[in-house]
Amino acid sequence: MPKKPPTIPPFSQNISAVCELMDAAVKDYAWSGDQVHRMDELTQDYLHKLELDGLDYSERAKVATKITKCRQLRRAHKDTCEILEPLVQFLNSDKGRNMMNLLREALGKTRRAESRMENRTYYPRVLREKEKDGGAPG
């Protein structure tokens, strides 16, 4: 029984995953920053509600609970921004943009190489001629 040639893992999937991870980090950073700003505005809405709406004790307690939840959510988004900031700053720098361009270029070349290997065929040069002549190779 002939041996099967070893299969080559699809490296392009790993390179693509790295590119997607970097793109997701930039998007998550921007989204979390927007959410921090939104939570700040929501906090102001709640504080003005407490100040100006003449709420009774029960209503004030509900607003205070909403403020607590809002501040906790803001903290989570702010932490995400803090964690992603160094990476995003690098990716937005000239070196980071250059690296991503080179990585995407390598991804394209890797995909083309993998594609060629999937559809690989060989057309004999010498054997074809010998078979036509009816002679043995040699």
Protein backbone atom coordinates (compact mmCIF):
# COMPACT_ATOMS: atom_id res chain seq x y z
CA MET A 1 0.00 0.00 0.00
CA PRO A 2 1.57 3.32 -1.05
CA LYS A 3 2.22 5.91 1.62
CA LYS A 4 0.14 9.03 1.63
CA PRO A 5 2.19 12.18 1.40
CA PRO A 6 2.11 14.23 4.59
CA THR A 7 -0.54 16.94 4.59
CA ILE A 8 0.67 20.45 5.03
CA PRO A 9 -1.31 22.43 7.58
CA PRO A 10 -3.05 25.49 6.12
CA PHE A 11 -0.75 28.20 7.45
CA SER A 12 -2.85 30.84 5.73
CA GLN A 13 -5.60 30.25 8.31
CA ASN A 14 -3.22 31.15 11.13
CA ILE A 15 -1.92 34.25 9.35
CA SER A 16 -5.50 35.27 8.60
CA ALA A 17 -6.46 34.78 12.25
CA VAL A 18 -3.65 37.13 13.33
CA CYS A 19 -4.83 39.78 10.87
CA GLU A 20 -8.42 39.40 12.07
CA LEU A 21 -7.29 39.64 15.70
CA MET A 22 -5.48 42.92 15.01
CA ASP A 23 -8.47 44.36 13.14
CA ALA A 24 -10.80 43.28 15.96
CA ALA A 25 -8.55 44.93 18.56
CA VAL A 26 -8.75 48.28 16.75
CA LYS A 27 -12.55 48.02 16.42
CA ASP A 28 -13.01 46.91 20.05
CA TYR A 29 -10.85 49.79 21.26
CA ALA A 30 -12.92 52.35 19.33
CA TRP A 31 -16.22 50.80 20.41
CA SER A 32 -15.20 50.65 24.08
CA GLY A 33 -14.07 54.27 23.92
CA ASP A 34 -17.46 55.25 22.54
CA GLN A 35 -19.15 53.29 25.31
CA VAL A 36 -17.10 55.08 28.00
CA HIS A 37 -18.33 58.38 26.58
CA ARG A 38 -21.93 57.08 26.43
CA MET A 39 -21.75 55.87 30.06
CA ASP A 40 -20.45 59.31 31.12
CA GLU A 41 -23.45 60.94 29.49
CA LEU A 42 -25.82 58.42 31.05
CA THR A 43 -24.32 59.11 34.48
CA GLN A 44 -24.99 62.82 33.97
CA ASP A 45 -28.59 62.03 33.00
CA TYR A 46 -29.06 60.06 36.22
CA LEU A 47 -27.44 62.77 38.36
CA HIS A 48 -29.67 65.44 36.84
CA LYS A 49 -32.66 63.20 37.46
CA LEU A 50 -31.69 63.02 41.14
CA GLU A 51 -31.10 66.76 41.28
CA LEU A 52 -34.10 68.09 39.41
CA ASP A 53 -36.95 65.56 39.40
CA GLY A 54 -37.95 65.68 43.09
CA LEU A 55 -37.90 61.91 43.50
CA ASP A 56 -39.05 60.12 46.64
CA TYR A 57 -36.81 57.70 48.56
CA SER A 58 -37.76 54.62 46.54
CA GLU A 59 -37.21 56.34 43.19
CA ARG A 60 -33.86 57.77 44.36
CA ALA A 61 -32.76 54.25 45.40
CA LYS A 62 -33.62 52.91 41.94
CA VAL A 63 -31.67 55.70 40.24
CA ALA A 64 -28.71 55.06 42.57
CA THR A 65 -28.76 51.38 41.57
CA LYS A 66 -28.78 52.39 37.89
CA ILE A 67 -25.83 54.72 38.50
CA THR A 68 -23.90 51.87 40.15
CA LYS A 69 -24.53 49.54 37.21
CA CYS A 70 -23.65 52.28 34.74
CA ARG A 71 -20.35 53.02 36.51
CA GLN A 72 -19.44 49.33 36.63
CA LEU A 73 -20.09 48.98 32.90
CA ARG A 74 -18.08 52.13 32.23
CA ARG A 75 -15.18 50.69 34.25
CA ALA A 76 -15.23 47.49 32.17
CA HIS A 77 -15.09 49.48 28.92
CA LYS A 78 -12.37 51.76 30.26
CA ASP A 79 -10.30 48.71 31.29
CA THR A 80 -10.68 47.28 27.79
CA CYS A 81 -9.42 50.58 26.34
CA GLU A 82 -6.46 50.60 28.72
CA ILE A 83 -5.52 47.03 27.80
CA LEU A 84 -5.82 47.56 24.03
CA GLU A 85 -4.29 51.03 23.87
CA PRO A 86 -0.61 49.99 23.46
CA LEU A 87 -1.47 47.57 20.66
CA VAL A 88 -3.75 50.04 18.89
CA GLN A 89 -1.15 52.81 19.15
CA PHE A 90 1.40 50.47 17.56
CA LEU A 91 -1.00 49.39 14.81
CA ASN A 92 -1.80 53.04 14.04
CA SER A 93 1.89 53.95 13.81
CA ASP A 94 3.85 53.82 10.55
CA LYS A 95 5.62 50.65 11.67
CA GLY A 96 2.34 48.99 12.63
CA ARG A 97 0.64 49.86 9.34
CA ASN A 98 3.71 48.65 7.46
CA MET A 99 3.73 45.40 9.44
CA MET A 100 0.04 44.77 8.70
CA ASN A 101 0.56 45.48 5.00
CA LEU A 102 3.48 43.05 4.91
CA LEU A 103 1.51 40.45 6.85
CA ARG A 104 -1.43 40.73 4.43
CA GLU A 105 0.99 40.46 1.52
CA ALA A 106 2.48 37.31 3.06
CA LEU A 107 -1.05 35.98 3.56
CA GLY A 108 -1.81 36.42 -0.13
CA LYS A 109 1.39 34.69 -1.17
CA THR A 110 0.76 31.86 1.30
CA ARG A 111 -2.77 31.35 -0.01
CA ARG A 112 -1.50 31.25 -3.61
CA ALA A 113 1.16 28.69 -2.66
CA GLU A 114 -1.40 26.53 -0.84
CA SER A 115 -3.75 26.75 -3.80
CA ARG A 116 -1.03 25.65 -6.21
CA MET A 117 -0.25 22.68 -3.97
CA GLU A 118 -3.89 21.60 -3.80
CA ASN A 119 -4.20 21.49 -7.57
CA ARG A 120 -0.73 20.21 -8.30
CA THR A 121 -0.31 18.16 -11.47
CA TYR A 122 2.76 17.03 -13.28
CA TYR A 123 3.06 16.46 -16.97
CA PRO A 124 5.90 14.06 -17.76
CA ARG A 125 8.39 15.23 -20.35
CA VAL A 126 10.67 12.32 -20.95
CA LEU A 127 8.37 9.40 -20.10
CA ARG A 128 5.73 10.62 -22.51
CA GLU A 129 8.20 10.51 -25.41
CA LYS A 130 9.49 7.02 -24.51
CA GLU A 131 5.99 5.56 -24.26
CA LYS A 132 5.16 6.83 -27.75
CA ASP A 133 8.26 5.08 -29.13
CA GLY A 134 7.34 1.86 -27.32
CA GLY A 135 10.74 1.71 -25.72
CA ALA A 136 11.71 1.34 -22.14
CA PRO A 137 13.16 4.25 -20.25
CA GLY A 138 16.78 4.37 -19.97
